[in-house]
Amino acid sequence: MASKWFKYKDQALQLRKEGLSIRKIEQDLGIARSTLSGWFNEVQLSSAQKKVLLKKWQLGLQKAREKAALWHKADRQKRLKEYLQEAEGVLDALNVKNEPILELALAMLYLGEGAKKSDNLRVSNSSPLILKTLISILQKIYKIDVQKIKCSLNLRSDQDPEEMKRFWSDELKIPLENFTYVYVDKRTSPTKTYEWYKGVCMVRIGNTAMKERLMYVANGFCERVLKTG
């Protein structure tokens, strides 16, 4: 018994001989691909037709990839927007004037970025935002005099030490004379430094007790979190 699509066989074969793809014929005639594949076993395409089909397949694949990339980008933007809204909710629930919250934030920052084996408080970072936040909390909680804060820089070979000292001095509101040492890494000479990178600045305060207190707060917080299961 002939299939329900048999009456379209001659038309389908003619379209195939003209160089149309199986996918295109399937879409136009509504015939199952398995049926078309069986019919087309007897159709021999020329090299030119095969090249055209290959080019169309490659173009279709490229368009599909571009479409998928756009979808993923839109989905990523949607999720990012949701995460940012949730983050705003977290920030709105915090009282950033609360000293225990500020000190915990400072302690966790030090746990991640601070020198653990140093006798004094030292934090190195390439982000002005992180170091400005560090200094701001130190001044709010411990009433640190800015004159007691010393800085040093670690720069790449194509960075000007005086220019970078002025940059960090302006950003951190630390007097230029408080920048006591600049190290230039000569090994970086073969490559050019990105404009946004201003080297690594170390902020240090000669206060062992303060450093130990922050470490105690940070480690104690982690231990209490773990105890809650």
N, C-alpha and C. Protein backbone atom coordinates (compact mmCIF):
# COMPACT_ATOMS: atom_id res chain seq x y z
N MET A 1 0.85 -1.20 0.00
CA MET A 1 0.00 0.00 0.00
C MET A 1 0.88 1.25 0.00
N ALA A 2 0.57 2.14 -0.96
CA ALA A 2 1.36 3.36 -1.08
C ALA A 2 1.10 4.28 0.11
N SER A 3 2.11 5.05 0.48
CA SER A 3 1.95 5.98 1.60
C SER A 3 1.08 7.15 1.18
N LYS A 4 0.60 7.88 2.17
CA LYS A 4 -0.30 9.01 1.89
C LYS A 4 0.41 10.14 1.14
N TRP A 5 1.76 10.07 1.12
CA TRP A 5 2.52 11.13 0.45
C TRP A 5 2.96 10.73 -0.97
N PHE A 6 2.60 9.52 -1.38
CA PHE A 6 3.11 9.00 -2.64
C PHE A 6 2.78 9.90 -3.83
N LYS A 7 1.62 10.55 -3.78
CA LYS A 7 1.22 11.40 -4.90
C LYS A 7 2.13 12.61 -5.07
N TYR A 8 2.93 12.90 -4.02
CA TYR A 8 3.84 14.03 -4.11
C TYR A 8 5.26 13.61 -4.48
N LYS A 9 5.44 12.31 -4.74
CA LYS A 9 6.79 11.79 -4.95
C LYS A 9 7.47 12.46 -6.15
N ASP A 10 6.75 12.50 -7.29
CA ASP A 10 7.36 13.07 -8.49
C ASP A 10 7.74 14.53 -8.26
N GLN A 11 6.88 15.26 -7.59
CA GLN A 11 7.16 16.68 -7.31
C GLN A 11 8.38 16.82 -6.41
N ALA A 12 8.43 15.94 -5.40
CA ALA A 12 9.56 15.98 -4.46
C ALA A 12 10.86 15.64 -5.16
N LEU A 13 10.82 14.62 -6.06
CA LEU A 13 12.02 14.23 -6.79
C LEU A 13 12.51 15.35 -7.70
N GLN A 14 11.55 16.04 -8.33
CA GLN A 14 11.92 17.14 -9.22
C GLN A 14 12.60 18.28 -8.45
N LEU A 15 12.04 18.57 -7.28
CA LEU A 15 12.63 19.63 -6.44
C LEU A 15 14.04 19.25 -5.99
N ARG A 16 14.21 17.96 -5.70
CA ARG A 16 15.54 17.50 -5.27
C ARG A 16 16.53 17.60 -6.41
N LYS A 17 16.08 17.24 -7.62
CA LYS A 17 16.95 17.32 -8.80
C LYS A 17 17.34 18.76 -9.11
N GLU A 18 16.47 19.69 -8.71
CA GLU A 18 16.78 21.11 -8.91
C GLU A 18 17.77 21.63 -7.88
N GLY A 19 18.10 20.78 -6.90
CA GLY A 19 19.13 21.14 -5.92
C GLY A 19 18.60 21.64 -4.59
N LEU A 20 17.29 21.46 -4.33
CA LEU A 20 16.76 21.89 -3.04
C LEU A 20 17.18 20.91 -1.94
N SER A 21 17.31 21.43 -0.74
CA SER A 21 17.69 20.58 0.38
C SER A 21 16.49 19.76 0.87
N ILE A 22 16.81 18.66 1.54
CA ILE A 22 15.74 17.82 2.11
C ILE A 22 14.91 18.64 3.09
N ARG A 23 15.56 19.47 3.88
CA ARG A 23 14.85 20.29 4.87
C ARG A 23 13.84 21.22 4.20
N LYS A 24 14.27 21.86 3.09
CA LYS A 24 13.39 22.79 2.38
C LYS A 24 12.19 22.05 1.80
N ILE A 25 12.44 20.90 1.19
CA ILE A 25 11.34 20.12 0.61
C ILE A 25 10.40 19.63 1.70
N GLU A 26 10.96 19.21 2.80
CA GLU A 26 10.15 18.75 3.93
C GLU A 26 9.22 19.86 4.40
N GLN A 27 9.75 21.07 4.48
CA GLN A 27 8.95 22.21 4.94
C GLN A 27 7.87 22.58 3.92
N ASP A 28 8.25 22.57 2.64
CA ASP A 28 7.30 23.00 1.60
C ASP A 28 6.18 22.01 1.35
N LEU A 29 6.50 20.71 1.37
CA LEU A 29 5.50 19.70 1.03
C LEU A 29 4.90 19.01 2.26
N GLY A 30 5.53 19.17 3.42
CA GLY A 30 4.99 18.54 4.63
C GLY A 30 5.16 17.04 4.66
N ILE A 31 6.18 16.55 3.98
CA ILE A 31 6.42 15.11 3.91
C ILE A 31 7.48 14.73 4.93
N ALA A 32 7.30 13.60 5.59
CA ALA A 32 8.25 13.16 6.61
C ALA A 32 9.64 12.99 6.01
N ARG A 33 10.65 13.40 6.74
CA ARG A 33 12.02 13.32 6.25
C ARG A 33 12.44 11.88 5.96
N SER A 34 11.97 10.95 6.78
CA SER A 34 12.33 9.54 6.56
C SER A 34 11.84 9.06 5.20
N THR A 35 10.66 9.53 4.81
CA THR A 35 10.12 9.16 3.50
C THR A 35 10.93 9.79 2.38
N LEU A 36 11.26 11.06 2.53
CA LEU A 36 12.04 11.78 1.52
C LEU A 36 13.41 11.14 1.34
N SER A 37 14.02 10.76 2.43
CA SER A 37 15.35 10.16 2.36
C SER A 37 15.33 8.89 1.52
N GLY A 38 14.28 8.09 1.69
CA GLY A 38 14.15 6.87 0.89
C GLY A 38 13.98 7.17 -0.58
N TRP A 39 13.15 8.16 -0.90
CA TRP A 39 12.92 8.53 -2.30
C TRP A 39 14.20 9.05 -2.95
N PHE A 40 14.96 9.84 -2.19
CA PHE A 40 16.09 10.56 -2.78
C PHE A 40 17.34 9.71 -2.95
N ASN A 41 17.28 8.45 -2.54
CA ASN A 41 18.42 7.55 -2.74
C ASN A 41 18.75 7.40 -4.22
N GLU A 42 17.72 7.56 -5.04
CA GLU A 42 17.90 7.37 -6.48
C GLU A 42 18.28 8.66 -7.21
N VAL A 43 18.38 9.76 -6.48
CA VAL A 43 18.70 11.05 -7.09
C VAL A 43 20.18 11.34 -6.89
N GLN A 44 20.90 11.57 -8.00
CA GLN A 44 22.31 11.91 -7.95
C GLN A 44 22.47 13.41 -8.22
N LEU A 45 23.01 14.12 -7.24
CA LEU A 45 23.22 15.56 -7.40
C LEU A 45 24.59 15.83 -8.00
N SER A 46 24.67 16.90 -8.78
CA SER A 46 25.95 17.28 -9.36
C SER A 46 26.85 17.89 -8.31
N SER A 47 28.13 18.01 -8.63
CA SER A 47 29.08 18.63 -7.70
C SER A 47 28.68 20.06 -7.40
N ALA A 48 28.20 20.77 -8.41
CA ALA A 48 27.77 22.16 -8.22
C ALA A 48 26.59 22.24 -7.26
N GLN A 49 25.63 21.32 -7.43
CA GLN A 49 24.46 21.31 -6.54
C GLN A 49 24.87 20.99 -5.10
N LYS A 50 25.79 20.04 -4.99
CA LYS A 50 26.26 19.69 -3.65
C LYS A 50 26.95 20.88 -2.98
N LYS A 51 27.72 21.64 -3.76
CA LYS A 51 28.40 22.82 -3.22
C LYS A 51 27.39 23.86 -2.77
N VAL A 52 26.33 24.04 -3.57
CA VAL A 52 25.28 25.00 -3.21
C VAL A 52 24.58 24.58 -1.92
N LEU A 53 24.27 23.27 -1.82
CA LEU A 53 23.62 22.76 -0.62
C LEU A 53 24.51 22.92 0.61
N LEU A 54 25.81 22.65 0.42
CA LEU A 54 26.75 22.80 1.54
C LEU A 54 26.82 24.25 1.99
N LYS A 55 26.87 25.17 1.00
CA LYS A 55 26.93 26.59 1.35
C LYS A 55 25.67 27.03 2.09
N LYS A 56 24.51 26.55 1.61
CA LYS A 56 23.24 26.89 2.29
C LYS A 56 23.21 26.32 3.70
N TRP A 57 23.73 25.10 3.84
CA TRP A 57 23.76 24.46 5.17
C TRP A 57 24.65 25.26 6.11
N GLN A 58 25.82 25.68 5.62
CA GLN A 58 26.74 26.46 6.44
C GLN A 58 26.13 27.80 6.82
N LEU A 59 25.45 28.44 5.86
CA LEU A 59 24.80 29.72 6.14
C LEU A 59 23.69 29.54 7.17
N GLY A 60 22.93 28.46 7.01
CA GLY A 60 21.87 28.19 7.98
C GLY A 60 22.41 27.93 9.37
N LEU A 61 23.53 27.20 9.42
CA LEU A 61 24.17 26.92 10.70
C LEU A 61 24.66 28.20 11.37
N GLN A 62 25.23 29.09 10.55
CA GLN A 62 25.72 30.36 11.08
C GLN A 62 24.57 31.20 11.64
N LYS A 63 23.47 31.24 10.90
CA LYS A 63 22.29 32.00 11.36
C LYS A 63 21.73 31.41 12.65
N ALA A 64 21.73 30.07 12.72
CA ALA A 64 21.23 29.42 13.93
C ALA A 64 22.11 29.75 15.13
N ARG A 65 23.43 29.78 14.91
CA ARG A 65 24.35 30.13 15.99
C ARG A 65 24.16 31.57 16.43
N GLU A 66 23.98 32.47 15.46
CA GLU A 66 23.77 33.88 15.79
C GLU A 66 22.46 34.06 16.57
N LYS A 67 21.44 33.33 16.15
CA LYS A 67 20.15 33.40 16.84
C LYS A 67 20.27 32.88 18.26
N ALA A 68 21.02 31.76 18.42
CA ALA A 68 21.23 31.19 19.75
C ALA A 68 22.03 32.14 20.63
N ALA A 69 23.03 32.80 20.03
CA ALA A 69 23.84 33.74 20.80
C ALA A 69 23.00 34.91 21.29
N LEU A 70 22.11 35.40 20.43
CA LEU A 70 21.23 36.50 20.83
C LEU A 70 20.29 36.07 21.95
N TRP A 71 19.81 34.83 21.84
CA TRP A 71 18.90 34.33 22.88
C TRP A 71 19.63 34.21 24.21
N HIS A 72 20.84 33.65 24.17
CA HIS A 72 21.61 33.50 25.40
C HIS A 72 21.96 34.85 26.01
N LYS A 73 22.27 35.82 25.14
CA LYS A 73 22.59 37.15 25.64
C LYS A 73 21.38 37.77 26.32
N ALA A 74 20.22 37.65 25.69
CA ALA A 74 19.00 38.20 26.27
C ALA A 74 18.66 37.51 27.60
N ASP A 75 18.84 36.18 27.61
CA ASP A 75 18.57 35.42 28.84
C ASP A 75 19.55 35.81 29.94
N ARG A 76 20.81 36.02 29.57
CA ARG A 76 21.83 36.42 30.54
C ARG A 76 21.52 37.81 31.11
N GLN A 77 21.09 38.71 30.22
CA GLN A 77 20.74 40.06 30.66
C GLN A 77 19.54 40.04 31.61
N LYS A 78 18.59 39.15 31.31
CA LYS A 78 17.41 39.02 32.17
C LYS A 78 17.80 38.53 33.56
N ARG A 79 18.66 37.48 33.60
CA ARG A 79 19.10 36.94 34.88
C ARG A 79 19.94 37.95 35.64
N LEU A 80 20.79 38.69 34.91
CA LEU A 80 21.62 39.71 35.55
C LEU A 80 20.75 40.78 36.19
N LYS A 81 19.71 41.20 35.49
CA LYS A 81 18.80 42.21 36.03
C LYS A 81 18.13 41.70 37.31
N GLU A 82 17.73 40.43 37.30
CA GLU A 82 17.10 39.83 38.49
C GLU A 82 18.08 39.79 39.65
N TYR A 83 19.33 39.40 39.38
CA TYR A 83 20.34 39.32 40.44
C TYR A 83 20.64 40.70 41.02
N LEU A 84 20.70 41.71 40.13
CA LEU A 84 20.97 43.07 40.60
C LEU A 84 19.83 43.58 41.48
N GLN A 85 18.61 43.26 41.11
CA GLN A 85 17.46 43.66 41.93
C GLN A 85 17.51 42.98 43.30
N GLU A 86 17.89 41.70 43.30
CA GLU A 86 18.02 40.98 44.57
C GLU A 86 19.16 41.56 45.40
N ALA A 87 20.25 41.94 44.73
CA ALA A 87 21.38 42.54 45.44
C ALA A 87 20.98 43.87 46.07
N GLU A 88 20.18 44.64 45.35
CA GLU A 88 19.69 45.91 45.91
C GLU A 88 18.87 45.65 47.17
N GLY A 89 18.11 44.56 47.16
CA GLY A 89 17.33 44.21 48.34
C GLY A 89 18.22 43.90 49.53
N VAL A 90 19.32 43.19 49.26
CA VAL A 90 20.27 42.88 50.33
C VAL A 90 20.87 44.16 50.90
N LEU A 91 21.29 45.05 50.01
CA LEU A 91 21.90 46.31 50.46
C LEU A 91 20.91 47.18 51.22
N ASP A 92 19.66 47.19 50.76
CA ASP A 92 18.64 48.00 51.44
C ASP A 92 18.38 47.50 52.86
N ALA A 93 18.62 46.20 53.08
CA ALA A 93 18.38 45.62 54.41
C ALA A 93 19.53 45.88 55.37
N LEU A 94 20.64 46.38 54.85
CA LEU A 94 21.81 46.62 55.69
C LEU A 94 21.86 48.06 56.19
N ASN A 95 22.28 48.22 57.42
CA ASN A 95 22.53 49.55 57.96
C ASN A 95 24.03 49.80 57.92
N VAL A 96 24.50 50.51 56.91
CA VAL A 96 25.93 50.70 56.72
C VAL A 96 26.53 51.69 57.72
N LYS A 97 25.69 52.20 58.62
CA LYS A 97 26.21 53.04 59.70
C LYS A 97 26.42 52.23 60.97
N ASN A 98 25.98 50.98 60.92
CA ASN A 98 26.13 50.10 62.07
C ASN A 98 27.57 49.62 62.18
N GLU A 99 28.22 49.95 63.30
CA GLU A 99 29.65 49.66 63.43
C GLU A 99 29.99 48.17 63.39
N PRO A 100 29.21 47.29 64.04
CA PRO A 100 29.53 45.86 63.93
C PRO A 100 29.48 45.35 62.48
N ILE A 101 28.51 45.86 61.69
CA ILE A 101 28.43 45.46 60.29
C ILE A 101 29.65 45.97 59.53
N LEU A 102 30.03 47.22 59.79
CA LEU A 102 31.21 47.78 59.13
C LEU A 102 32.48 47.02 59.51
N GLU A 103 32.60 46.69 60.79
CA GLU A 103 33.81 46.01 61.21
C GLU A 103 33.87 44.58 60.65
N LEU A 104 32.72 43.94 60.55
CA LEU A 104 32.69 42.61 59.94
C LEU A 104 33.10 42.69 58.48
N ALA A 105 32.58 43.70 57.77
CA ALA A 105 32.96 43.88 56.37
C ALA A 105 34.46 44.11 56.24
N LEU A 106 35.00 44.92 57.14
CA LEU A 106 36.43 45.20 57.14
C LEU A 106 37.23 43.93 57.45
N ALA A 107 36.76 43.17 58.40
CA ALA A 107 37.45 41.94 58.79
C ALA A 107 37.46 40.93 57.65
N MET A 108 36.34 40.78 56.96
CA MET A 108 36.28 39.83 55.85
C MET A 108 37.14 40.31 54.68
N LEU A 109 37.17 41.63 54.47
CA LEU A 109 38.04 42.18 53.44
C LEU A 109 39.49 41.86 53.77
N TYR A 110 39.84 42.02 55.05
CA TYR A 110 41.22 41.74 55.45
C TYR A 110 41.54 40.25 55.35
N LEU A 111 40.57 39.42 55.67
CA LEU A 111 40.78 37.98 55.57
C LEU A 111 41.10 37.58 54.14
N GLY A 112 40.47 38.27 53.19
CA GLY A 112 40.70 37.94 51.79
C GLY A 112 41.91 38.61 51.18
N GLU A 113 42.16 39.87 51.55
CA GLU A 113 43.19 40.65 50.87
C GLU A 113 44.37 41.07 51.74
N GLY A 114 44.24 40.94 53.05
CA GLY A 114 45.29 41.44 53.93
C GLY A 114 46.45 40.47 54.13
N ALA A 115 47.58 41.04 54.59
CA ALA A 115 48.76 40.23 54.89
C ALA A 115 48.55 39.53 56.23
N LYS A 116 48.64 38.20 56.23
CA LYS A 116 48.33 37.43 57.44
C LYS A 116 49.54 37.29 58.37
N LYS A 117 50.75 37.24 57.80
CA LYS A 117 51.93 36.99 58.62
C LYS A 117 52.69 38.26 58.99
N SER A 118 52.20 39.39 58.53
CA SER A 118 52.87 40.66 58.83
C SER A 118 52.61 41.07 60.28
N ASP A 119 53.53 41.84 60.86
CA ASP A 119 53.36 42.34 62.22
C ASP A 119 52.39 43.52 62.28
N ASN A 120 52.11 44.12 61.13
CA ASN A 120 51.17 45.24 61.13
C ASN A 120 50.07 45.01 60.10
N LEU A 121 49.18 45.96 60.03
CA LEU A 121 48.03 45.84 59.11
C LEU A 121 48.47 46.25 57.71
N ARG A 122 48.32 45.33 56.76
CA ARG A 122 48.71 45.60 55.38
C ARG A 122 47.68 45.01 54.42
N VAL A 123 47.23 45.83 53.50
CA VAL A 123 46.30 45.37 52.47
C VAL A 123 46.79 45.87 51.12
N SER A 124 46.94 44.97 50.15
CA SER A 124 47.38 45.33 48.80
C SER A 124 46.26 45.06 47.81
N ASN A 125 46.06 46.00 46.88
CA ASN A 125 45.04 45.79 45.87
C ASN A 125 45.24 46.75 44.71
N SER A 126 44.71 46.39 43.56
CA SER A 126 44.78 47.27 42.39
C SER A 126 43.51 48.09 42.23
N SER A 127 42.53 47.85 43.12
CA SER A 127 41.25 48.55 43.02
C SER A 127 41.18 49.73 43.99
N PRO A 128 41.11 50.96 43.48
CA PRO A 128 40.94 52.12 44.36
C PRO A 128 39.68 52.02 45.22
N LEU A 129 38.62 51.43 44.68
CA LEU A 129 37.36 51.32 45.43
C LEU A 129 37.56 50.50 46.70
N ILE A 130 38.26 49.38 46.59
CA ILE A 130 38.48 48.52 47.75
C ILE A 130 39.31 49.24 48.81
N LEU A 131 40.38 49.89 48.36
CA LEU A 131 41.25 50.55 49.32
C LEU A 131 40.60 51.79 49.92
N LYS A 132 39.79 52.50 49.15
CA LYS A 132 39.06 53.64 49.71
C LYS A 132 38.06 53.18 50.76
N THR A 133 37.41 52.06 50.48
CA THR A 133 36.46 51.51 51.45
C THR A 133 37.19 51.09 52.73
N LEU A 134 38.32 50.45 52.57
CA LEU A 134 39.15 50.05 53.71
C LEU A 134 39.49 51.25 54.58
N ILE A 135 40.00 52.29 53.97
CA ILE A 135 40.42 53.48 54.72
C ILE A 135 39.23 54.16 55.38
N SER A 136 38.12 54.22 54.65
CA SER A 136 36.92 54.87 55.20
C SER A 136 36.44 54.16 56.46
N ILE A 137 36.40 52.82 56.44
CA ILE A 137 35.94 52.07 57.61
C ILE A 137 36.95 52.19 58.75
N LEU A 138 38.24 52.18 58.44
CA LEU A 138 39.26 52.35 59.48
C LEU A 138 39.10 53.69 60.19
N GLN A 139 38.80 54.71 59.43
CA GLN A 139 38.61 56.04 60.02
C GLN A 139 37.33 56.11 60.85
N LYS A 140 36.27 55.44 60.37
CA LYS A 140 34.99 55.49 61.07
C LYS A 140 35.01 54.69 62.38
N ILE A 141 35.66 53.53 62.34
CA ILE A 141 35.64 52.65 63.52
C ILE A 141 36.80 52.92 64.47
N TYR A 142 38.01 53.02 63.90
CA TYR A 142 39.20 53.14 64.74
C TYR A 142 39.75 54.56 64.82
N LYS A 143 39.06 55.49 64.14
CA LYS A 143 39.47 56.91 64.17
C LYS A 143 40.93 57.08 63.76
N ILE A 144 41.34 56.34 62.73
CA ILE A 144 42.71 56.38 62.27
C ILE A 144 43.04 57.74 61.64
N ASP A 145 44.14 58.33 62.08
CA ASP A 145 44.63 59.57 61.49
C ASP A 145 45.28 59.24 60.15
N VAL A 146 44.90 59.96 59.09
CA VAL A 146 45.41 59.67 57.77
C VAL A 146 46.93 59.75 57.71
N GLN A 147 47.54 60.54 58.59
CA GLN A 147 48.99 60.67 58.61
C GLN A 147 49.68 59.37 59.05
N LYS A 148 48.92 58.49 59.69
CA LYS A 148 49.49 57.23 60.13
C LYS A 148 49.40 56.13 59.07
N ILE A 149 48.76 56.47 57.97
CA ILE A 149 48.60 55.49 56.89
C ILE A 149 49.73 55.68 55.88
N LYS A 150 50.52 54.63 55.68
CA LYS A 150 51.61 54.67 54.72
C LYS A 150 51.26 53.79 53.52
N CYS A 151 51.83 54.15 52.39
CA CYS A 151 51.53 53.40 51.17
C CYS A 151 52.81 53.10 50.39
N SER A 152 52.76 52.01 49.62
CA SER A 152 53.82 51.69 48.68
C SER A 152 53.17 51.15 47.42
N LEU A 153 53.90 51.22 46.31
CA LEU A 153 53.34 50.83 45.02
C LEU A 153 54.17 49.75 44.35
N ASN A 154 53.47 48.89 43.61
CA ASN A 154 54.12 47.88 42.78
C ASN A 154 53.66 48.16 41.35
N LEU A 155 54.59 48.59 40.49
CA LEU A 155 54.22 49.05 39.15
C LEU A 155 54.86 48.20 38.06
N ARG A 156 54.31 48.34 36.86
CA ARG A 156 54.91 47.73 35.68
C ARG A 156 55.96 48.68 35.12
N SER A 157 56.83 48.16 34.27
CA SER A 157 58.00 48.92 33.84
C SER A 157 57.67 50.17 33.03
N ASP A 158 56.52 50.21 32.34
CA ASP A 158 56.20 51.38 31.53
C ASP A 158 55.33 52.39 32.28
N GLN A 159 55.17 52.23 33.59
CA GLN A 159 54.39 53.17 34.38
C GLN A 159 55.33 54.17 35.07
N ASP A 160 54.91 55.43 35.07
CA ASP A 160 55.71 56.48 35.69
C ASP A 160 55.45 56.52 37.19
N PRO A 161 56.45 56.30 38.02
CA PRO A 161 56.25 56.26 39.48
C PRO A 161 55.62 57.52 40.05
N GLU A 162 56.07 58.69 39.61
CA GLU A 162 55.53 59.94 40.15
C GLU A 162 54.08 60.13 39.75
N GLU A 163 53.76 59.79 38.51
CA GLU A 163 52.38 59.89 38.05
C GLU A 163 51.47 58.95 38.83
N MET A 164 51.93 57.71 39.05
CA MET A 164 51.12 56.75 39.78
C MET A 164 50.97 57.13 41.26
N LYS A 165 52.00 57.73 41.84
CA LYS A 165 51.87 58.19 43.23
C LYS A 165 50.82 59.28 43.32
N ARG A 166 50.82 60.19 42.35
CA ARG A 166 49.80 61.25 42.36
C ARG A 166 48.40 60.67 42.19
N PHE A 167 48.28 59.65 41.32
CA PHE A 167 46.98 59.02 41.11
C PHE A 167 46.45 58.43 42.41
N TRP A 168 47.27 57.60 43.06
CA TRP A 168 46.81 56.93 44.28
C TRP A 168 46.64 57.92 45.43
N SER A 169 47.45 58.94 45.47
CA SER A 169 47.30 59.97 46.51
C SER A 169 45.97 60.68 46.37
N ASP A 170 45.61 61.01 45.13
CA ASP A 170 44.32 61.69 44.89
C ASP A 170 43.15 60.76 45.19
N GLU A 171 43.28 59.49 44.78
CA GLU A 171 42.18 58.55 44.98
C GLU A 171 41.94 58.25 46.46
N LEU A 172 43.01 58.03 47.19
CA LEU A 172 42.89 57.60 48.59
C LEU A 172 42.92 58.75 49.58
N LYS A 173 43.19 59.96 49.08
CA LYS A 173 43.29 61.13 49.96
C LYS A 173 44.40 60.95 51.00
N ILE A 174 45.48 60.36 50.53
CA ILE A 174 46.66 60.14 51.37
C ILE A 174 47.76 61.09 50.86
N PRO A 175 48.42 61.85 51.75
CA PRO A 175 49.47 62.78 51.31
C PRO A 175 50.57 62.07 50.51
N LEU A 176 51.12 62.77 49.52
CA LEU A 176 52.16 62.20 48.70
C LEU A 176 53.36 61.72 49.50
N GLU A 177 53.69 62.48 50.56
CA GLU A 177 54.85 62.12 51.37
C GLU A 177 54.66 60.81 52.13
N ASN A 178 53.43 60.32 52.18
CA ASN A 178 53.17 59.04 52.85
C ASN A 178 53.43 57.84 51.95
N PHE A 179 53.76 58.09 50.69
CA PHE A 179 54.12 57.02 49.77
C PHE A 179 55.62 56.80 49.88
N THR A 180 55.98 55.76 50.60
CA THR A 180 57.37 55.60 51.00
C THR A 180 58.23 54.75 50.08
N TYR A 181 57.59 53.95 49.20
CA TYR A 181 58.39 53.04 48.37
C TYR A 181 57.64 52.69 47.09
N VAL A 182 58.37 52.65 45.99
CA VAL A 182 57.80 52.23 44.71
C VAL A 182 58.69 51.15 44.11
N TYR A 183 58.10 50.00 43.82
CA TYR A 183 58.82 48.91 43.17
C TYR A 183 58.37 48.81 41.72
N VAL A 184 59.31 48.82 40.80
CA VAL A 184 59.01 48.69 39.37
C VAL A 184 59.49 47.32 38.89
N ASP A 185 58.57 46.54 38.38
CA ASP A 185 58.88 45.19 37.92
C ASP A 185 59.42 45.24 36.49
N LYS A 186 60.72 45.12 36.33
CA LYS A 186 61.36 45.20 35.03
C LYS A 186 60.98 44.04 34.12
N ARG A 187 60.52 42.95 34.69
CA ARG A 187 60.17 41.78 33.89
C ARG A 187 58.97 42.03 32.98
N THR A 188 58.21 43.11 33.25
CA THR A 188 57.00 43.40 32.47
C THR A 188 57.29 44.23 31.23
N SER A 189 58.55 44.54 30.96
CA SER A 189 58.89 45.46 29.87
C SER A 189 58.43 45.04 28.47
N PRO A 190 58.33 43.75 28.14
CA PRO A 190 57.94 43.40 26.77
C PRO A 190 56.49 43.78 26.41
N THR A 191 55.63 43.94 27.39
CA THR A 191 54.21 44.18 27.08
C THR A 191 53.76 45.54 27.60
N LYS A 192 52.79 46.12 26.88
CA LYS A 192 52.26 47.43 27.24
C LYS A 192 51.16 47.28 28.29
N THR A 193 51.14 48.20 29.24
CA THR A 193 50.16 48.17 30.33
C THR A 193 48.83 48.77 29.88
N TYR A 194 47.74 48.13 30.26
CA TYR A 194 46.42 48.68 29.97
C TYR A 194 46.25 50.03 30.67
N GLU A 195 45.52 50.93 30.02
CA GLU A 195 45.34 52.28 30.55
C GLU A 195 44.67 52.27 31.92
N TRP A 196 43.73 51.34 32.11
CA TRP A 196 42.97 51.33 33.36
C TRP A 196 43.77 50.79 34.53
N TYR A 197 44.86 50.09 34.27
CA TYR A 197 45.64 49.48 35.35
C TYR A 197 46.64 50.47 35.92
N LYS A 198 46.52 50.74 37.21
CA LYS A 198 47.36 51.72 37.88
C LYS A 198 48.33 51.09 38.87
N GLY A 199 48.63 49.84 38.67
CA GLY A 199 49.53 49.16 39.58
C GLY A 199 48.83 48.67 40.83
N VAL A 200 49.61 48.12 41.76
CA VAL A 200 49.08 47.63 43.03
C VAL A 200 49.56 48.56 44.15
N CYS A 201 48.62 49.00 44.95
CA CYS A 201 48.95 49.86 46.08
C CYS A 201 48.81 49.08 47.38
N MET A 202 49.82 49.19 48.24
CA MET A 202 49.74 48.58 49.56
C MET A 202 49.48 49.67 50.60
N VAL A 203 48.43 49.49 51.37
CA VAL A 203 48.12 50.39 52.49
C VAL A 203 48.54 49.70 53.77
N ARG A 204 49.29 50.37 54.60
CA ARG A 204 49.76 49.74 55.84
C ARG A 204 49.68 50.70 57.01
N ILE A 205 49.40 50.10 58.16
CA ILE A 205 49.32 50.84 59.42
C ILE A 205 50.06 50.03 60.47
N GLY A 206 50.97 50.66 61.16
CA GLY A 206 51.77 49.95 62.16
C GLY A 206 51.02 49.66 63.44
N ASN A 207 50.06 48.75 63.35
CA ASN A 207 49.24 48.44 64.52
C ASN A 207 48.93 46.94 64.52
N THR A 208 49.72 46.19 65.25
CA THR A 208 49.54 44.74 65.31
C THR A 208 48.22 44.35 65.95
N ALA A 209 47.84 45.06 67.03
CA ALA A 209 46.61 44.72 67.76
C ALA A 209 45.38 44.85 66.86
N MET A 210 45.37 45.89 66.03
CA MET A 210 44.23 46.10 65.13
C MET A 210 44.13 44.97 64.12
N LYS A 211 45.26 44.56 63.58
CA LYS A 211 45.28 43.47 62.61
C LYS A 211 44.79 42.17 63.26
N GLU A 212 45.27 41.87 64.47
CA GLU A 212 44.86 40.66 65.17
C GLU A 212 43.38 40.68 65.49
N ARG A 213 42.86 41.84 65.83
CA ARG A 213 41.43 41.95 66.13
C ARG A 213 40.60 41.63 64.89
N LEU A 214 41.00 42.19 63.76
CA LEU A 214 40.26 41.93 62.52
C LEU A 214 40.30 40.45 62.15
N MET A 215 41.46 39.83 62.30
CA MET A 215 41.57 38.41 62.00
C MET A 215 40.71 37.58 62.94
N TYR A 216 40.64 37.98 64.19
CA TYR A 216 39.83 37.26 65.17
C TYR A 216 38.35 37.37 64.79
N VAL A 217 37.92 38.58 64.41
CA VAL A 217 36.52 38.78 64.01
C VAL A 217 36.19 37.95 62.77
N ALA A 218 37.07 37.99 61.78
CA ALA A 218 36.81 37.27 60.53
C ALA A 218 36.75 35.77 60.74
N ASN A 219 37.75 35.21 61.43
CA ASN A 219 37.77 33.77 61.66
C ASN A 219 36.63 33.33 62.57
N GLY A 220 36.33 34.15 63.58
CA GLY A 220 35.23 33.82 64.48
C GLY A 220 33.89 33.81 63.76
N PHE A 221 33.71 34.76 62.85
CA PHE A 221 32.47 34.80 62.06
C PHE A 221 32.32 33.54 61.21
N CYS A 222 33.43 33.15 60.54
CA CYS A 222 33.38 31.94 59.71
C CYS A 222 33.03 30.72 60.55
N GLU A 223 33.64 30.61 61.72
CA GLU A 223 33.38 29.45 62.59
C GLU A 223 31.94 29.42 63.04
N ARG A 224 31.37 30.58 63.38
CA ARG A 224 29.97 30.62 63.83
C ARG A 224 29.01 30.27 62.68
N VAL A 225 29.34 30.71 61.49
CA VAL A 225 28.51 30.36 60.33
C VAL A 225 28.49 28.85 60.14
N LEU A 226 29.67 28.24 60.24
CA LEU A 226 29.78 26.78 60.06
C LEU A 226 29.05 26.02 61.16
N LYS A 227 29.03 26.57 62.36
CA LYS A 227 28.35 25.89 63.46
C LYS A 227 26.84 25.87 63.29
N THR A 228 26.31 26.83 62.53
CA THR A 228 24.87 26.87 62.34
C THR A 228 24.38 25.79 61.39
N GLY A 229 25.35 25.10 60.76
CA GLY A 229 24.98 24.03 59.82
C GLY A 229 24.47 24.62 58.53
